[in-house]
Amino acid sequence: MTEPRSVLIVEDESLIAMMLEDFLDSLGHSLAGTCDTVPEALARVEQGGFDVAILDVNLNGQRVWPVADRLAAKGIPYILATGGHIEPPPPEHAAAPVLSKPFTLDAIEPALAAALGG
C-alpha cells in the first residue's frame, strides 16, 4: 500500500463519488473534496491541499481536459476515470493512469501508485 494520501474526486455521478470515497477510506486515504463540474474542479485545483486527483473524463457531457491541464501545470498527479466509451485522451494526458469503470477496490491502489510514481 502507498502511504496515506489526500485525494480530490472529480465525478458527476454522486453514487460513484461516494463509492470512491468509501474505497479510499478503506485503503487509509483521506478525501480532500469532491467536484462535479469543470469550473468547480478548476477552482478547487487552485485551492490545492491534496496529493492526487481522480478525474472522471466526462462531466455531464463536458470533457475534463482543462482540469487535467491545470493539474499538470501545477505538478499534481491525477488519474483518469472512464467508462471506456470515449476517444483516447489528448497526447499530453496519454501517460496518466486510467481507472476503468466499474471501479473495484483492488484497482484503486495500483492506480494511485502509478499516478504518484510508485
N, C-alpha and C. Protein backbone atom coordinates (compact mmCIF):
# COMPACT_ATOMS: atom_id res chain seq x y z
N MET A 1 0.84 -1.19 0.00
CA MET A 1 0.00 0.00 0.00
C MET A 1 0.88 1.25 0.00
N THR A 2 0.45 2.24 -0.74
CA THR A 2 1.16 3.52 -0.71
C THR A 2 0.84 4.21 0.60
N GLU A 3 1.64 5.22 0.95
CA GLU A 3 1.35 5.96 2.18
C GLU A 3 0.02 6.68 2.03
N PRO A 4 -0.64 6.97 3.13
CA PRO A 4 -1.95 7.65 3.04
C PRO A 4 -1.83 8.98 2.30
N ARG A 5 -2.77 9.21 1.40
CA ARG A 5 -2.79 10.42 0.58
C ARG A 5 -4.13 11.11 0.68
N SER A 6 -4.11 12.39 0.37
CA SER A 6 -5.32 13.19 0.30
C SER A 6 -5.74 13.24 -1.17
N VAL A 7 -6.98 12.85 -1.45
CA VAL A 7 -7.44 12.67 -2.83
C VAL A 7 -8.63 13.58 -3.13
N LEU A 8 -8.55 14.28 -4.26
CA LEU A 8 -9.67 15.05 -4.78
C LEU A 8 -10.40 14.18 -5.80
N ILE A 9 -11.70 14.06 -5.65
CA ILE A 9 -12.52 13.30 -6.60
C ILE A 9 -13.30 14.28 -7.47
N VAL A 10 -13.16 14.14 -8.78
CA VAL A 10 -13.91 14.95 -9.74
C VAL A 10 -14.79 13.96 -10.51
N GLU A 11 -16.07 13.94 -10.14
CA GLU A 11 -17.01 12.93 -10.65
C GLU A 11 -18.41 13.51 -10.61
N ASP A 12 -19.16 13.37 -11.73
CA ASP A 12 -20.50 13.95 -11.79
C ASP A 12 -21.60 13.02 -11.29
N GLU A 13 -21.30 11.77 -11.05
CA GLU A 13 -22.28 10.83 -10.53
C GLU A 13 -22.06 10.68 -9.03
N SER A 14 -23.01 11.17 -8.23
CA SER A 14 -22.80 11.20 -6.78
C SER A 14 -22.61 9.82 -6.17
N LEU A 15 -23.31 8.82 -6.67
CA LEU A 15 -23.14 7.46 -6.12
C LEU A 15 -21.75 6.92 -6.40
N ILE A 16 -21.21 7.22 -7.58
CA ILE A 16 -19.86 6.78 -7.91
C ILE A 16 -18.84 7.51 -7.04
N ALA A 17 -19.05 8.80 -6.84
CA ALA A 17 -18.15 9.57 -5.98
C ALA A 17 -18.17 9.02 -4.55
N MET A 18 -19.37 8.68 -4.06
CA MET A 18 -19.47 8.12 -2.71
C MET A 18 -18.79 6.76 -2.62
N MET A 19 -18.92 5.94 -3.64
CA MET A 19 -18.25 4.65 -3.66
C MET A 19 -16.74 4.83 -3.64
N LEU A 20 -16.24 5.76 -4.48
CA LEU A 20 -14.80 6.04 -4.48
C LEU A 20 -14.33 6.51 -3.11
N GLU A 21 -15.11 7.38 -2.49
CA GLU A 21 -14.77 7.87 -1.15
C GLU A 21 -14.67 6.70 -0.17
N ASP A 22 -15.62 5.77 -0.22
CA ASP A 22 -15.58 4.59 0.65
C ASP A 22 -14.35 3.74 0.38
N PHE A 23 -14.03 3.53 -0.90
CA PHE A 23 -12.85 2.75 -1.25
C PHE A 23 -11.59 3.41 -0.71
N LEU A 24 -11.47 4.72 -0.92
CA LEU A 24 -10.29 5.45 -0.45
C LEU A 24 -10.16 5.37 1.06
N ASP A 25 -11.28 5.55 1.75
CA ASP A 25 -11.28 5.46 3.21
C ASP A 25 -10.83 4.08 3.68
N SER A 26 -11.34 3.04 3.05
CA SER A 26 -10.98 1.68 3.46
C SER A 26 -9.51 1.38 3.18
N LEU A 27 -8.91 2.12 2.25
CA LEU A 27 -7.49 1.94 1.94
C LEU A 27 -6.59 2.86 2.78
N GLY A 28 -7.21 3.67 3.65
CA GLY A 28 -6.44 4.53 4.53
C GLY A 28 -6.14 5.91 3.98
N HIS A 29 -6.77 6.27 2.88
CA HIS A 29 -6.57 7.60 2.29
C HIS A 29 -7.67 8.54 2.77
N SER A 30 -7.46 9.85 2.59
CA SER A 30 -8.48 10.82 3.00
C SER A 30 -9.03 11.54 1.78
N LEU A 31 -10.25 12.00 1.92
CA LEU A 31 -10.92 12.73 0.86
C LEU A 31 -10.66 14.23 1.05
N ALA A 32 -10.09 14.85 0.04
CA ALA A 32 -9.86 16.30 0.08
C ALA A 32 -11.11 17.06 -0.34
N GLY A 33 -11.98 16.39 -1.08
CA GLY A 33 -13.20 17.01 -1.55
C GLY A 33 -13.69 16.34 -2.81
N THR A 34 -14.91 16.71 -3.21
CA THR A 34 -15.47 16.23 -4.47
C THR A 34 -15.98 17.42 -5.27
N CYS A 35 -15.88 17.31 -6.57
CA CYS A 35 -16.38 18.32 -7.50
C CYS A 35 -17.13 17.59 -8.60
N ASP A 36 -18.17 18.23 -9.14
CA ASP A 36 -18.91 17.56 -10.21
C ASP A 36 -19.01 18.36 -11.49
N THR A 37 -18.30 19.49 -11.56
CA THR A 37 -18.26 20.27 -12.81
C THR A 37 -16.82 20.72 -13.06
N VAL A 38 -16.55 21.05 -14.30
CA VAL A 38 -15.21 21.55 -14.65
C VAL A 38 -14.90 22.86 -13.93
N PRO A 39 -15.81 23.86 -13.93
CA PRO A 39 -15.49 25.11 -13.22
C PRO A 39 -15.22 24.89 -11.73
N GLU A 40 -16.04 24.07 -11.10
CA GLU A 40 -15.85 23.79 -9.67
C GLU A 40 -14.50 23.10 -9.43
N ALA A 41 -14.14 22.15 -10.29
CA ALA A 41 -12.87 21.44 -10.16
C ALA A 41 -11.69 22.38 -10.38
N LEU A 42 -11.80 23.27 -11.35
CA LEU A 42 -10.72 24.23 -11.59
C LEU A 42 -10.50 25.12 -10.37
N ALA A 43 -11.58 25.57 -9.75
CA ALA A 43 -11.46 26.39 -8.56
C ALA A 43 -10.82 25.60 -7.42
N ARG A 44 -11.20 24.34 -7.28
CA ARG A 44 -10.65 23.51 -6.20
C ARG A 44 -9.17 23.23 -6.43
N VAL A 45 -8.76 23.04 -7.69
CA VAL A 45 -7.35 22.82 -8.01
C VAL A 45 -6.54 24.05 -7.58
N GLU A 46 -7.07 25.23 -7.79
CA GLU A 46 -6.36 26.45 -7.39
C GLU A 46 -6.18 26.53 -5.88
N GLN A 47 -7.12 25.98 -5.13
CA GLN A 47 -7.00 25.99 -3.67
C GLN A 47 -5.90 25.04 -3.19
N GLY A 48 -5.66 23.96 -3.95
CA GLY A 48 -4.63 22.98 -3.58
C GLY A 48 -5.00 22.22 -2.32
N GLY A 49 -3.97 21.70 -1.65
CA GLY A 49 -4.19 20.97 -0.41
C GLY A 49 -4.54 19.51 -0.58
N PHE A 50 -4.20 18.93 -1.71
CA PHE A 50 -4.42 17.50 -1.93
C PHE A 50 -3.23 16.94 -2.71
N ASP A 51 -3.05 15.62 -2.61
CA ASP A 51 -1.88 14.96 -3.20
C ASP A 51 -2.11 14.46 -4.62
N VAL A 52 -3.32 14.05 -4.92
CA VAL A 52 -3.64 13.42 -6.20
C VAL A 52 -5.13 13.61 -6.48
N ALA A 53 -5.51 13.59 -7.75
CA ALA A 53 -6.92 13.72 -8.13
C ALA A 53 -7.34 12.54 -8.99
N ILE A 54 -8.59 12.17 -8.83
CA ILE A 54 -9.21 11.18 -9.71
C ILE A 54 -10.24 11.94 -10.53
N LEU A 55 -10.05 11.95 -11.85
CA LEU A 55 -10.87 12.77 -12.75
C LEU A 55 -11.74 11.91 -13.66
N ASP A 56 -13.04 12.04 -13.52
CA ASP A 56 -13.95 11.45 -14.49
C ASP A 56 -13.75 12.22 -15.79
N VAL A 57 -13.51 11.52 -16.87
CA VAL A 57 -13.19 12.17 -18.14
C VAL A 57 -14.37 12.96 -18.69
N ASN A 58 -15.59 12.48 -18.44
CA ASN A 58 -16.79 13.13 -18.97
C ASN A 58 -17.66 13.61 -17.82
N LEU A 59 -17.73 14.92 -17.65
CA LEU A 59 -18.55 15.52 -16.59
C LEU A 59 -19.78 16.16 -17.21
N ASN A 60 -20.89 15.45 -17.15
CA ASN A 60 -22.14 15.96 -17.73
C ASN A 60 -21.96 16.43 -19.17
N GLY A 61 -21.25 15.65 -19.96
CA GLY A 61 -21.03 15.97 -21.37
C GLY A 61 -19.86 16.88 -21.64
N GLN A 62 -19.22 17.38 -20.62
CA GLN A 62 -18.04 18.25 -20.80
C GLN A 62 -16.78 17.47 -20.45
N ARG A 63 -15.79 17.57 -21.30
CA ARG A 63 -14.52 16.88 -21.06
C ARG A 63 -13.74 17.56 -19.95
N VAL A 64 -12.99 16.77 -19.20
CA VAL A 64 -12.27 17.24 -18.02
C VAL A 64 -10.86 17.76 -18.35
N TRP A 65 -10.52 17.85 -19.63
CA TRP A 65 -9.14 18.20 -20.01
C TRP A 65 -8.65 19.53 -19.45
N PRO A 66 -9.47 20.58 -19.32
CA PRO A 66 -8.96 21.80 -18.70
C PRO A 66 -8.47 21.58 -17.25
N VAL A 67 -9.15 20.69 -16.54
CA VAL A 67 -8.73 20.37 -15.17
C VAL A 67 -7.42 19.59 -15.19
N ALA A 68 -7.32 18.61 -16.08
CA ALA A 68 -6.08 17.85 -16.21
C ALA A 68 -4.92 18.76 -16.61
N ASP A 69 -5.19 19.71 -17.52
CA ASP A 69 -4.15 20.67 -17.92
C ASP A 69 -3.65 21.46 -16.71
N ARG A 70 -4.57 21.93 -15.88
CA ARG A 70 -4.19 22.75 -14.72
C ARG A 70 -3.44 21.93 -13.68
N LEU A 71 -3.89 20.69 -13.46
CA LEU A 71 -3.17 19.81 -12.54
C LEU A 71 -1.75 19.57 -13.03
N ALA A 72 -1.61 19.28 -14.32
CA ALA A 72 -0.29 19.04 -14.89
C ALA A 72 0.61 20.26 -14.73
N ALA A 73 0.05 21.44 -14.97
CA ALA A 73 0.82 22.68 -14.85
C ALA A 73 1.29 22.91 -13.41
N LYS A 74 0.50 22.45 -12.45
CA LYS A 74 0.84 22.63 -11.04
C LYS A 74 1.67 21.45 -10.49
N GLY A 75 1.89 20.43 -11.33
CA GLY A 75 2.67 19.28 -10.90
C GLY A 75 1.93 18.35 -9.95
N ILE A 76 0.59 18.37 -10.01
CA ILE A 76 -0.22 17.50 -9.16
C ILE A 76 -0.62 16.27 -9.98
N PRO A 77 -0.30 15.07 -9.50
CA PRO A 77 -0.65 13.87 -10.26
C PRO A 77 -2.15 13.63 -10.29
N TYR A 78 -2.60 12.93 -11.33
CA TYR A 78 -4.02 12.65 -11.49
C TYR A 78 -4.22 11.33 -12.20
N ILE A 79 -5.40 10.78 -12.00
CA ILE A 79 -5.83 9.52 -12.60
C ILE A 79 -7.05 9.84 -13.45
N LEU A 80 -7.13 9.28 -14.64
CA LEU A 80 -8.30 9.46 -15.50
C LEU A 80 -9.26 8.31 -15.26
N ALA A 81 -10.49 8.63 -14.93
CA ALA A 81 -11.52 7.62 -14.71
C ALA A 81 -12.46 7.64 -15.90
N THR A 82 -12.70 6.46 -16.47
CA THR A 82 -13.53 6.41 -17.67
C THR A 82 -14.30 5.10 -17.76
N GLY A 83 -15.45 5.21 -18.40
CA GLY A 83 -16.23 4.02 -18.70
C GLY A 83 -15.76 3.37 -19.99
N GLY A 84 -14.78 3.98 -20.64
CA GLY A 84 -14.19 3.40 -21.84
C GLY A 84 -14.90 3.74 -23.13
N HIS A 85 -15.91 4.58 -23.09
CA HIS A 85 -16.68 4.88 -24.28
C HIS A 85 -16.35 6.26 -24.85
N ILE A 86 -15.09 6.63 -24.77
CA ILE A 86 -14.68 7.94 -25.27
C ILE A 86 -13.46 7.79 -26.15
N GLU A 87 -13.12 8.86 -26.83
CA GLU A 87 -11.91 8.87 -27.63
C GLU A 87 -10.70 8.86 -26.70
N PRO A 88 -9.53 8.49 -27.21
CA PRO A 88 -8.32 8.49 -26.37
C PRO A 88 -8.05 9.90 -25.84
N PRO A 89 -7.35 9.98 -24.70
CA PRO A 89 -7.04 11.31 -24.16
C PRO A 89 -6.10 12.07 -25.09
N PRO A 90 -6.07 13.38 -24.96
CA PRO A 90 -5.10 14.16 -25.74
C PRO A 90 -3.69 13.68 -25.42
N PRO A 91 -2.76 13.84 -26.35
CA PRO A 91 -1.40 13.33 -26.14
C PRO A 91 -0.76 13.77 -24.83
N GLU A 92 -1.04 15.00 -24.39
CA GLU A 92 -0.41 15.49 -23.16
C GLU A 92 -0.93 14.78 -21.90
N HIS A 93 -2.02 14.02 -22.04
CA HIS A 93 -2.57 13.29 -20.89
C HIS A 93 -2.55 11.78 -21.10
N ALA A 94 -1.95 11.33 -22.19
CA ALA A 94 -1.96 9.91 -22.53
C ALA A 94 -1.19 9.05 -21.52
N ALA A 95 -0.23 9.64 -20.81
CA ALA A 95 0.57 8.86 -19.86
C ALA A 95 -0.10 8.74 -18.48
N ALA A 96 -1.19 9.45 -18.27
CA ALA A 96 -1.86 9.38 -16.96
C ALA A 96 -2.45 7.98 -16.76
N PRO A 97 -2.37 7.47 -15.54
CA PRO A 97 -3.01 6.18 -15.26
C PRO A 97 -4.51 6.26 -15.50
N VAL A 98 -5.09 5.14 -15.90
CA VAL A 98 -6.53 5.09 -16.17
C VAL A 98 -7.19 4.12 -15.20
N LEU A 99 -8.27 4.57 -14.63
CA LEU A 99 -9.09 3.74 -13.74
C LEU A 99 -10.39 3.49 -14.48
N SER A 100 -10.62 2.24 -14.85
CA SER A 100 -11.80 1.91 -15.66
C SER A 100 -13.01 1.64 -14.79
N LYS A 101 -14.14 2.15 -15.27
CA LYS A 101 -15.42 1.86 -14.61
C LYS A 101 -15.95 0.55 -15.14
N PRO A 102 -16.61 -0.24 -14.34
CA PRO A 102 -16.93 -0.01 -12.93
C PRO A 102 -15.69 -0.18 -12.06
N PHE A 103 -15.54 0.70 -11.07
CA PHE A 103 -14.38 0.67 -10.19
C PHE A 103 -14.44 -0.54 -9.27
N THR A 104 -13.26 -1.04 -8.93
CA THR A 104 -13.15 -2.08 -7.91
C THR A 104 -12.13 -1.61 -6.88
N LEU A 105 -12.29 -2.08 -5.68
CA LEU A 105 -11.37 -1.71 -4.61
C LEU A 105 -9.94 -2.08 -4.99
N ASP A 106 -9.76 -3.24 -5.59
CA ASP A 106 -8.42 -3.71 -5.95
C ASP A 106 -7.73 -2.85 -7.01
N ALA A 107 -8.49 -2.08 -7.78
CA ALA A 107 -7.89 -1.26 -8.84
C ALA A 107 -7.43 0.11 -8.34
N ILE A 108 -7.92 0.54 -7.19
CA ILE A 108 -7.64 1.90 -6.71
C ILE A 108 -6.16 2.07 -6.34
N GLU A 109 -5.64 1.18 -5.50
CA GLU A 109 -4.26 1.35 -5.02
C GLU A 109 -3.23 1.31 -6.14
N PRO A 110 -3.32 0.39 -7.11
CA PRO A 110 -2.35 0.43 -8.23
C PRO A 110 -2.43 1.71 -9.04
N ALA A 111 -3.65 2.24 -9.24
CA ALA A 111 -3.79 3.50 -9.99
C ALA A 111 -3.16 4.65 -9.21
N LEU A 112 -3.37 4.70 -7.90
CA LEU A 112 -2.74 5.73 -7.08
C LEU A 112 -1.22 5.62 -7.12
N ALA A 113 -0.72 4.39 -7.00
CA ALA A 113 0.72 4.18 -7.03
C ALA A 113 1.30 4.62 -8.37
N ALA A 114 0.61 4.32 -9.47
CA ALA A 114 1.09 4.72 -10.79
C ALA A 114 1.10 6.25 -10.92
N ALA A 115 0.05 6.88 -10.43
CA ALA A 115 -0.04 8.34 -10.53
C ALA A 115 1.05 9.02 -9.71
N LEU A 116 1.36 8.43 -8.57
CA LEU A 116 2.32 9.02 -7.65
C LEU A 116 3.75 8.56 -7.92
N GLY A 117 3.94 7.84 -9.02
CA GLY A 117 5.28 7.44 -9.43
C GLY A 117 5.84 6.25 -8.66
N GLY A 118 4.96 5.49 -8.02
CA GLY A 118 5.43 4.35 -7.24
C GLY A 118 5.11 3.08 -7.93
